[in-house]
PDB file of N, CA and C in Angstrom:
ATOM      1  N   MET A   1       5.223  19.812   3.959  1.00  0.00           N
ATOM      2  CA  MET A   1       5.120  18.469   3.408  1.00  0.00           C
ATOM      3  C   MET A   1       6.235  17.611   3.976  1.00  0.00           C
ATOM      4  N   LYS A   2       6.001  16.317   3.925  1.00  0.00           N
ATOM      5  CA  LYS A   2       6.971  15.371   4.439  1.00  0.00           C
ATOM      6  C   LYS A   2       7.272  14.337   3.358  1.00  0.00           C
ATOM      7  N   ILE A   3       8.535  13.974   3.254  1.00  0.00           N
ATOM      8  CA  ILE A   3       8.937  12.867   2.393  1.00  0.00           C
ATOM      9  C   ILE A   3       9.368  11.742   3.314  1.00  0.00           C
ATOM     10  N   VAL A   4       8.785  10.568   3.093  1.00  0.00           N
ATOM     11  CA  VAL A   4       9.130   9.391   3.884  1.00  0.00           C
ATOM     12  C   VAL A   4       9.954   8.468   3.003  1.00  0.00           C
ATOM     13  N   LEU A   5      11.116   8.093   3.516  1.00  0.00           N
ATOM     14  CA  LEU A   5      12.014   7.167   2.837  1.00  0.00           C
ATOM     15  C   LEU A   5      12.007   5.857   3.609  1.00  0.00           C
ATOM     16  N   TYR A   6      11.501   4.804   2.977  1.00  0.00           N
ATOM     17  CA  TYR A   6      11.564   3.472   3.567  1.00  0.00           C
ATOM     18  C   TYR A   6      12.900   2.878   3.164  1.00  0.00           C
ATOM     19  N   SER A   7      13.632   2.406   4.170  1.00  0.00           N
ATOM     20  CA  SER A   7      15.019   2.018   3.996  1.00  0.00           C
ATOM     21  C   SER A   7      15.340   0.873   4.944  1.00  0.00           C
ATOM     22  N   LYS A   8      16.572   0.377   4.863  1.00  0.00           N
ATOM     23  CA  LYS A   8      17.067  -0.552   5.877  1.00  0.00           C
ATOM     24  C   LYS A   8      18.571  -0.394   5.997  1.00  0.00           C
ATOM     25  N   PRO A   9      19.104  -0.716   7.156  1.00  0.00           N
ATOM     26  CA  PRO A   9      20.542  -0.576   7.355  1.00  0.00           C
ATOM     27  C   PRO A   9      21.332  -1.394   6.339  1.00  0.00           C
ATOM     28  N   GLY A  10      22.403  -0.821   5.836  1.00  0.00           N
ATOM     29  CA  GLY A  10      23.265  -1.517   4.891  1.00  0.00           C
ATOM     30  C   GLY A  10      22.817  -1.444   3.447  1.00  0.00           C
ATOM     31  N   CYS A  11      21.710  -0.773   3.181  1.00  0.00           N
ATOM     32  CA  CYS A  11      21.219  -0.631   1.805  1.00  0.00           C
ATOM     33  C   CYS A  11      21.929   0.571   1.173  1.00  0.00           C
ATOM     34  N   HIS A  12      22.837   0.297   0.263  1.00  0.00           N
ATOM     35  CA  HIS A  12      23.619   1.377  -0.342  1.00  0.00           C
ATOM     36  C   HIS A  12      22.761   2.301  -1.203  1.00  0.00           C
ATOM     37  N   LEU A  13      21.739   1.760  -1.871  1.00  0.00           N
ATOM     38  CA  LEU A  13      20.836   2.604  -2.658  1.00  0.00           C
ATOM     39  C   LEU A  13      20.073   3.559  -1.741  1.00  0.00           C
ATOM     40  N   CYS A  14      19.638   3.034  -0.603  1.00  0.00           N
ATOM     41  CA  CYS A  14      18.894   3.858   0.362  1.00  0.00           C
ATOM     42  C   CYS A  14      19.782   4.958   0.937  1.00  0.00           C
ATOM     43  N   GLU A  15      20.983   4.588   1.311  1.00  0.00           N
ATOM     44  CA  GLU A  15      21.903   5.564   1.902  1.00  0.00           C
ATOM     45  C   GLU A  15      22.258   6.660   0.905  1.00  0.00           C
ATOM     46  N   GLY A  16      22.481   6.271  -0.357  1.00  0.00           N
ATOM     47  CA  GLY A  16      22.800   7.259  -1.381  1.00  0.00           C
ATOM     48  C   GLY A  16      21.648   8.218  -1.621  1.00  0.00           C
ATOM     49  N   LEU A  17      20.423   7.680  -1.658  1.00  0.00           N
ATOM     50  CA  LEU A  17      19.252   8.521  -1.873  1.00  0.00           C
ATOM     51  C   LEU A  17      19.042   9.455  -0.678  1.00  0.00           C
ATOM     52  N   GLN A  18      19.221   8.941   0.522  1.00  0.00           N
ATOM     53  CA  GLN A  18      19.059   9.780   1.709  1.00  0.00           C
ATOM     54  C   GLN A  18      20.066  10.928   1.700  1.00  0.00           C
ATOM     55  N   GLU A  19      21.302  10.643   1.351  1.00  0.00           N
ATOM     56  CA  GLU A  19      22.323  11.694   1.289  1.00  0.00           C
ATOM     57  C   GLU A  19      21.930  12.785   0.301  1.00  0.00           C
ATOM     58  N   LYS A  20      21.417  12.383  -0.841  1.00  0.00           N
ATOM     59  CA  LYS A  20      21.004  13.367  -1.854  1.00  0.00           C
ATOM     60  C   LYS A  20      19.813  14.180  -1.377  1.00  0.00           C
ATOM     61  N   LEU A  21      18.842  13.518  -0.760  1.00  0.00           N
ATOM     62  CA  LEU A  21      17.669  14.231  -0.247  1.00  0.00           C
ATOM     63  C   LEU A  21      18.067  15.261   0.809  1.00  0.00           C
ATOM     64  N   GLU A  22      19.037  14.908   1.636  1.00  0.00           N
ATOM     65  CA  GLU A  22      19.483  15.822   2.695  1.00  0.00           C
ATOM     66  C   GLU A  22      20.208  17.039   2.129  1.00  0.00           C
ATOM     67  N   GLN A  23      20.674  16.968   0.893  1.00  0.00           N
ATOM     68  CA  GLN A  23      21.373  18.093   0.268  1.00  0.00           C
ATOM     69  C   GLN A  23      20.422  19.093  -0.382  1.00  0.00           C
ATOM     70  N   ILE A  24      19.149  18.740  -0.494  1.00  0.00           N
ATOM     71  CA  ILE A  24      18.177  19.630  -1.135  1.00  0.00           C
ATOM     72  C   ILE A  24      17.671  20.634  -0.109  1.00  0.00           C
ATOM     73  N   ASN A  25      18.008  21.891  -0.325  1.00  0.00           N
ATOM     74  CA  ASN A  25      17.615  22.950   0.610  1.00  0.00           C
ATOM     75  C   ASN A  25      16.563  23.885   0.041  1.00  0.00           C
ATOM     76  N   SER A  26      16.314  23.796  -1.249  1.00  0.00           N
ATOM     77  CA  SER A  26      15.426  24.774  -1.888  1.00  0.00           C
ATOM     78  C   SER A  26      13.949  24.380  -1.844  1.00  0.00           C
ATOM     79  N   LEU A  27      13.636  23.176  -1.399  1.00  0.00           N
ATOM     80  CA  LEU A  27      12.242  22.725  -1.349  1.00  0.00           C
ATOM     81  C   LEU A  27      11.809  22.555   0.105  1.00  0.00           C
ATOM     82  N   PRO A  28      10.558  22.934   0.399  1.00  0.00           N
ATOM     83  CA  PRO A  28      10.070  22.867   1.777  1.00  0.00           C
ATOM     84  C   PRO A  28       9.520  21.487   2.133  1.00  0.00           C
ATOM     85  N   PHE A  29      10.398  20.608   2.601  1.00  0.00           N
ATOM     86  CA  PHE A  29       9.928  19.298   3.039  1.00  0.00           C
ATOM     87  C   PHE A  29      10.758  18.835   4.231  1.00  0.00           C
ATOM     88  N   GLU A  30      10.130  17.966   5.003  1.00  0.00           N
ATOM     89  CA  GLU A  30      10.789  17.298   6.113  1.00  0.00           C
ATOM     90  C   GLU A  30      11.051  15.871   5.668  1.00  0.00           C
ATOM     91  N   LEU A  31      12.259  15.375   5.892  1.00  0.00           N
ATOM     92  CA  LEU A  31      12.607  14.007   5.518  1.00  0.00           C
ATOM     93  C   LEU A  31      12.499  13.111   6.743  1.00  0.00           C
ATOM     94  N   GLU A  32      11.727  12.040   6.597  1.00  0.00           N
ATOM     95  CA  GLU A  32      11.632  11.022   7.650  1.00  0.00           C
ATOM     96  C   GLU A  32      12.099   9.702   7.055  1.00  0.00           C
ATOM     97  N   THR A  33      13.080   9.093   7.686  1.00  0.00           N
ATOM     98  CA  THR A  33      13.575   7.791   7.236  1.00  0.00           C
ATOM     99  C   THR A  33      13.001   6.718   8.147  1.00  0.00           C
ATOM    100  N   ARG A  34      12.386   5.718   7.529  1.00  0.00           N
ATOM    101  CA  ARG A  34      11.779   4.622   8.291  1.00  0.00           C
ATOM    102  C   ARG A  34      12.527   3.332   7.978  1.00  0.00           C
ATOM    103  N   ASP A  35      13.041   2.701   9.015  1.00  0.00           N
ATOM    104  CA  ASP A  35      13.775   1.447   8.908  1.00  0.00           C
ATOM    105  C   ASP A  35      12.760   0.308   8.827  1.00  0.00           C
ATOM    106  N   ILE A  36      12.717  -0.367   7.687  1.00  0.00           N
ATOM    107  CA  ILE A  36      11.705  -1.416   7.494  1.00  0.00           C
ATOM    108  C   ILE A  36      11.944  -2.632   8.380  1.00  0.00           C
ATOM    109  N   THR A  37      13.135  -2.744   8.954  1.00  0.00           N
ATOM    110  CA  THR A  37      13.399  -3.895   9.825  1.00  0.00           C
ATOM    111  C   THR A  37      12.806  -3.721  11.216  1.00  0.00           C
ATOM    112  N   THR A  38      12.231  -2.544  11.487  1.00  0.00           N
ATOM    113  CA  THR A  38      11.660  -2.302  12.815  1.00  0.00           C
ATOM    114  C   THR A  38      10.184  -2.672  12.912  1.00  0.00           C
ATOM    115  N   ARG A  39       9.550  -2.931  11.766  1.00  0.00           N
ATOM    116  CA  ARG A  39       8.123  -3.300  11.771  1.00  0.00           C
ATOM    117  C   ARG A  39       7.873  -4.355  10.710  1.00  0.00           C
ATOM    118  N   ASP A  40       7.171  -5.402  11.095  1.00  0.00           N
ATOM    119  CA  ASP A  40       6.892  -6.495  10.163  1.00  0.00           C
ATOM    120  C   ASP A  40       6.082  -6.044   8.959  1.00  0.00           C
ATOM    121  N   ASP A  41       5.098  -5.149   9.161  1.00  0.00           N
ATOM    122  CA  ASP A  41       4.264  -4.718   8.038  1.00  0.00           C
ATOM    123  C   ASP A  41       5.093  -3.935   7.011  1.00  0.00           C
ATOM    124  N   TRP A  42       6.007  -3.102   7.478  1.00  0.00           N
ATOM    125  CA  TRP A  42       6.874  -2.377   6.541  1.00  0.00           C
ATOM    126  C   TRP A  42       7.802  -3.343   5.823  1.00  0.00           C
ATOM    127  N   PHE A  43       8.347  -4.296   6.568  1.00  0.00           N
ATOM    128  CA  PHE A  43       9.272  -5.252   5.968  1.00  0.00           C
ATOM    129  C   PHE A  43       8.574  -6.074   4.883  1.00  0.00           C
ATOM    130  N   GLN A  44       7.369  -6.568   5.192  1.00  0.00           N
ATOM    131  CA  GLN A  44       6.624  -7.361   4.208  1.00  0.00           C
ATOM    132  C   GLN A  44       6.287  -6.535   2.972  1.00  0.00           C
ATOM    133  N   ALA A  45       5.946  -5.285   3.166  1.00  0.00           N
ATOM    134  CA  ALA A  45       5.535  -4.429   2.053  1.00  0.00           C
ATOM    135  C   ALA A  45       6.710  -3.989   1.178  1.00  0.00           C
ATOM    136  N   TYR A  46       7.866  -3.742   1.776  1.00  0.00           N
ATOM    137  CA  TYR A  46       8.940  -3.059   1.046  1.00  0.00           C
ATOM    138  C   TYR A  46      10.264  -3.806   0.952  1.00  0.00           C
ATOM    139  N   GLN A  47      10.333  -5.040   1.444  1.00  0.00           N
ATOM    140  CA  GLN A  47      11.625  -5.722   1.498  1.00  0.00           C
ATOM    141  C   GLN A  47      12.301  -5.861   0.138  1.00  0.00           C
ATOM    142  N   TYR A  48      11.537  -5.963  -0.938  1.00  0.00           N
ATOM    143  CA  TYR A  48      12.121  -6.107  -2.274  1.00  0.00           C
ATOM    144  C   TYR A  48      12.053  -4.818  -3.083  1.00  0.00           C
ATOM    145  N   GLU A  49      11.545  -3.757  -2.485  1.00  0.00           N
ATOM    146  CA  GLU A  49      11.303  -2.520  -3.219  1.00  0.00           C
ATOM    147  C   GLU A  49      12.185  -1.350  -2.800  1.00  0.00           C
ATOM    148  N   ILE A  50      12.825  -1.417  -1.640  1.00  0.00           N
ATOM    149  CA  ILE A  50      13.546  -0.257  -1.121  1.00  0.00           C
ATOM    150  C   ILE A  50      14.643   0.191  -2.067  1.00  0.00           C
ATOM    151  N   PRO A  51      14.926   1.469  -2.091  1.00  0.00           N
ATOM    152  CA  PRO A  51      14.297   2.543  -1.338  1.00  0.00           C
ATOM    153  C   PRO A  51      12.937   2.928  -1.911  1.00  0.00           C
ATOM    154  N   VAL A  52      12.007   3.243  -1.030  1.00  0.00           N
ATOM    155  CA  VAL A  52      10.657   3.648  -1.411  1.00  0.00           C
ATOM    156  C   VAL A  52      10.423   5.051  -0.842  1.00  0.00           C
ATOM    157  N   LEU A  53       9.872   5.923  -1.682  1.00  0.00           N
ATOM    158  CA  LEU A  53       9.604   7.300  -1.278  1.00  0.00           C
ATOM    159  C   LEU A  53       8.116   7.600  -1.341  1.00  0.00           C
ATOM    160  N   TYR A  54       7.605   8.245  -0.301  1.00  0.00           N
ATOM    161  CA  TYR A  54       6.239   8.752  -0.278  1.00  0.00           C
ATOM    162  C   TYR A  54       6.283  10.238   0.014  1.00  0.00           C
ATOM    163  N   LEU A  55       5.396  10.964  -0.632  1.00  0.00           N
ATOM    164  CA  LEU A  55       5.195  12.379  -0.350  1.00  0.00           C
ATOM    165  C   LEU A  55       3.897  12.484   0.437  1.00  0.00           C
ATOM    166  N   LEU A  56       3.982  13.022   1.650  1.00  0.00           N
ATOM    167  CA  LEU A  56       2.813  13.131   2.534  1.00  0.00           C
ATOM    168  C   LEU A  56       2.437  14.580   2.736  1.00  0.00           C
ATOM    169  N   LYS A  57       1.146  14.847   2.624  1.00  0.00           N
ATOM    170  CA  LYS A  57       0.641  16.180   2.955  1.00  0.00           C
ATOM    171  C   LYS A  57       0.368  16.296   4.436  1.00  0.00           C
ATOM    172  N   ASP A  58       0.043  15.178   5.076  1.00  0.00           N
ATOM    173  CA  ASP A  58      -0.156  15.172   6.521  1.00  0.00           C
ATOM    174  C   ASP A  58       0.620  14.000   7.103  1.00  0.00           C
ATOM    175  N   GLU A  59       0.306  13.594   8.291  1.00  0.00           N
ATOM    176  CA  GLU A  59       1.118  12.611   9.007  1.00  0.00           C
ATOM    177  C   GLU A  59       0.820  11.151   8.676  1.00  0.00           C
ATOM    178  N   SER A  60      -0.147  10.874   7.819  1.00  0.00           N
ATOM    179  CA  SER A  60      -0.496   9.478   7.582  1.00  0.00           C
ATOM    180  C   SER A  60      -0.414   9.120   6.105  1.00  0.00           C
ATOM    181  N   LEU A  61      -0.201   7.828   5.843  1.00  0.00           N
ATOM    182  CA  LEU A  61      -0.211   7.332   4.469  1.00  0.00           C
ATOM    183  C   LEU A  61      -1.663   7.038   4.113  1.00  0.00           C
ATOM    184  N   ASN A  62      -2.333   8.030   3.592  1.00  0.00           N
ATOM    185  CA  ASN A  62      -3.726   7.844   3.202  1.00  0.00           C
ATOM    186  C   ASN A  62      -3.944   8.496   1.854  1.00  0.00           C
ATOM    187  N   SER A  63      -5.131   8.964   1.592  1.00  0.00           N
ATOM    188  CA  SER A  63      -5.436   9.526   0.275  1.00  0.00           C
ATOM    189  C   SER A  63      -4.639  10.786  -0.034  1.00  0.00           C
ATOM    190  N   SER A  64      -4.057  11.403   0.977  1.00  0.00           N
ATOM    191  CA  SER A  64      -3.273  12.609   0.719  1.00  0.00           C
ATOM    192  C   SER A  64      -1.784  12.311   0.581  1.00  0.00           C
ATOM    193  N   SER A  65      -1.443  11.052   0.315  1.00  0.00           N
ATOM    194  CA  SER A  65      -0.049  10.694   0.106  1.00  0.00           C
ATOM    195  C   SER A  65       0.145  10.210  -1.326  1.00  0.00           C
ATOM    196  N   SER A  66       1.371  10.335  -1.794  1.00  0.00           N
ATOM    197  CA  SER A  66       1.701   9.911  -3.146  1.00  0.00           C
ATOM    198  C   SER A  66       2.963   9.072  -3.115  1.00  0.00           C
ATOM    199  N   LEU A  67       2.888   7.895  -3.723  1.00  0.00           N
ATOM    200  CA  LEU A  67       4.074   7.075  -3.914  1.00  0.00           C
ATOM    201  C   LEU A  67       4.872   7.715  -5.035  1.00  0.00           C
ATOM    202  N   LEU A  68       6.126   8.022  -4.772  1.00  0.00           N
ATOM    203  CA  LEU A  68       6.969   8.649  -5.782  1.00  0.00           C
ATOM    204  C   LEU A  68       7.760   7.584  -6.534  1.00  0.00           C
ATOM    205  N   PRO A  69       8.030   7.824  -7.811  1.00  0.00           N
ATOM    206  CA  PRO A  69       8.848   6.860  -8.547  1.00  0.00           C
ATOM    207  C   PRO A  69      10.261   6.819  -7.976  1.00  0.00           C
ATOM    208  N   ARG A  70      10.854   5.648  -8.018  1.00  0.00           N
ATOM    209  CA  ARG A  70      12.207   5.519  -7.502  1.00  0.00           C
ATOM    210  C   ARG A  70      13.191   6.171  -8.462  1.00  0.00           C
ATOM    211  N   PRO A  71      13.950   7.139  -7.984  1.00  0.00           N
ATOM    212  CA  PRO A  71      14.924   7.776  -8.869  1.00  0.00           C
ATOM    213  C   PRO A  71      16.100   6.841  -9.146  1.00  0.00           C
ATOM    214  N   SER A  72      16.734   7.053 -10.254  1.00  0.00           N
ATOM    215  CA  SER A  72      17.922   6.286 -10.595  1.00  0.00           C
ATOM    216  C   SER A  72      19.013   6.549  -9.571  1.00  0.00           C
ATOM    217  N   PRO A  73      19.779   5.532  -9.199  1.00  0.00           N
ATOM    218  CA  PRO A  73      20.913   5.764  -8.305  1.00  0.00           C
ATOM    219  C   PRO A  73      21.938   6.726  -8.902  1.00  0.00           C
ATOM    220  N   ARG A  74      21.904   6.882 -10.209  1.00  0.00           N
ATOM    221  CA  ARG A  74      22.827   7.792 -10.883  1.00  0.00           C
ATOM    222  C   ARG A  74      22.307   9.219 -10.956  1.00  0.00           C
ATOM    223  N   ALA A  75      21.079   9.439 -10.519  1.00  0.00           N
ATOM    224  CA  ALA A  75      20.501  10.786 -10.569  1.00  0.00           C
ATOM    225  C   ALA A  75      21.310  11.728  -9.685  1.00  0.00           C
ATOM    226  N   THR A  76      21.505  12.916 -10.179  1.00  0.00           N
ATOM    227  CA  THR A  76      22.206  13.930  -9.400  1.00  0.00           C
ATOM    228  C   THR A  76      21.243  14.562  -8.397  1.00  0.00           C
ATOM    229  N   VAL A  77      21.785  15.317  -7.473  1.00  0.00           N
ATOM    230  CA  VAL A  77      20.953  16.045  -6.514  1.00  0.00           C
ATOM    231  C   VAL A  77      20.008  16.980  -7.263  1.00  0.00           C
ATOM    232  N   GLN A  78      20.511  17.630  -8.315  1.00  0.00           N
ATOM    233  CA  GLN A  78      19.689  18.560  -9.095  1.00  0.00           C
ATOM    234  C   GLN A  78      18.552  17.828  -9.808  1.00  0.00           C
ATOM    235  N   GLN A  79      18.818  16.647 -10.343  1.00  0.00           N
ATOM    236  CA  GLN A  79      17.762  15.870 -11.009  1.00  0.00           C
ATOM    237  C   GLN A  79      16.712  15.416 -10.000  1.00  0.00           C
ATOM    238  N   LEU A  80      17.160  14.990  -8.849  1.00  0.00           N
ATOM    239  CA  LEU A  80      16.236  14.566  -7.794  1.00  0.00           C
ATOM    240  C   LEU A  80      15.382  15.744  -7.331  1.00  0.00           C
ATOM    241  N   GLU A  81      16.013  16.896  -7.177  1.00  0.00           N
ATOM    242  CA  GLU A  81      15.295  18.109  -6.777  1.00  0.00           C
ATOM    243  C   GLU A  81      14.229  18.465  -7.806  1.00  0.00           C
ATOM    244  N   LYS A  82      14.560  18.366  -9.072  1.00  0.00           N
ATOM    245  CA  LYS A  82      13.602  18.679 -10.138  1.00  0.00           C
ATOM    246  C   LYS A  82      12.414  17.711 -10.105  1.00  0.00           C
ATOM    247  N   MET A  83      12.683  16.430  -9.896  1.00  0.00           N
ATOM    248  CA  MET A  83      11.614  15.436  -9.817  1.00  0.00           C
ATOM    249  C   MET A  83      10.695  15.746  -8.631  1.00  0.00           C
ATOM    250  N   LEU A  84      11.286  16.031  -7.465  1.00  0.00           N
ATOM    251  CA  LEU A  84      10.485  16.332  -6.274  1.00  0.00           C
ATOM    252  C   LEU A  84       9.657  17.594  -6.458  1.00  0.00           C
ATOM    253  N   GLN A  85      10.257  18.590  -7.080  1.00  0.00           N
ATOM    254  CA  GLN A  85       9.540  19.843  -7.335  1.00  0.00           C
ATOM    255  C   GLN A  85       8.302  19.580  -8.177  1.00  0.00           C
ATOM    256  N   LYS A  86       8.437  18.736  -9.171  1.00  0.00           N
ATOM    257  CA  LYS A  86       7.307  18.377 -10.041  1.00  0.00           C
ATOM    258  C   LYS A  86       6.184  17.724  -9.227  1.00  0.00           C
ATOM    259  N   TYR A  87       6.515  16.751  -8.411  1.00  0.00           N
ATOM    260  CA  TYR A  87       5.499  16.027  -7.642  1.00  0.00           C
ATOM    261  C   TYR A  87       4.925  16.876  -6.512  1.00  0.00           C
ATOM    262  N   MET A  88       5.726  17.736  -5.945  1.00  0.00           N
ATOM    263  CA  MET A  88       5.207  18.609  -4.884  1.00  0.00           C
ATOM    264  C   MET A  88       4.238  19.618  -5.450  1.00  0.00           C
ATOM    265  N   SER A  89       4.480  20.102  -6.652  1.00  0.00           N
ATOM    266  CA  SER A  89       3.563  21.066  -7.250  1.00  0.00           C
ATOM    267  C   SER A  89       2.266  20.391  -7.715  1.00  0.00           C
ATOM    268  N   LEU A  90       2.337  19.122  -8.105  1.00  0.00           N
ATOM    269  CA  LEU A  90       1.130  18.388  -8.500  1.00  0.00           C
ATOM    270  C   LEU A  90       0.260  18.060  -7.292  1.00  0.00           C
ATOM    271  N   ASP A  91       0.878  17.953  -6.139  1.00  0.00           N
ATOM    272  CA  ASP A  91       0.195  17.496  -4.939  1.00  0.00           C
ATOM    273  C   ASP A  91      -0.427  18.622  -4.129  1.00  0.00           C
ATOM    274  N   ARG A  92      -0.340  19.838  -4.605  1.00  0.00           N
ATOM    275  CA  ARG A  92      -0.898  20.973  -3.845  1.00  0.00           C
ATOM    276  C   ARG A  92      -2.370  21.123  -4.035  1.00  0.00           C
TER     277      ARG A  92
END
């Protein structure tokens, strides 16, 4: 599975979430960070929403993807891991 993080440079919430996601080793996922400033469609869709997380079963954002709720910036790595575990098990 892949987790896609929509982000932009200088976004402290995005950077904090990315750091926490990179610390999770117990779940089988690949993290892909997408800079919304590199594509107009991403920027228009997410400029006021970042950080945005999607869980993908395959390579595209289609019916096999799930928009994940935005975790609190205060969430610990363990809390984030628990949330992801829940959504990954629902998505199987």
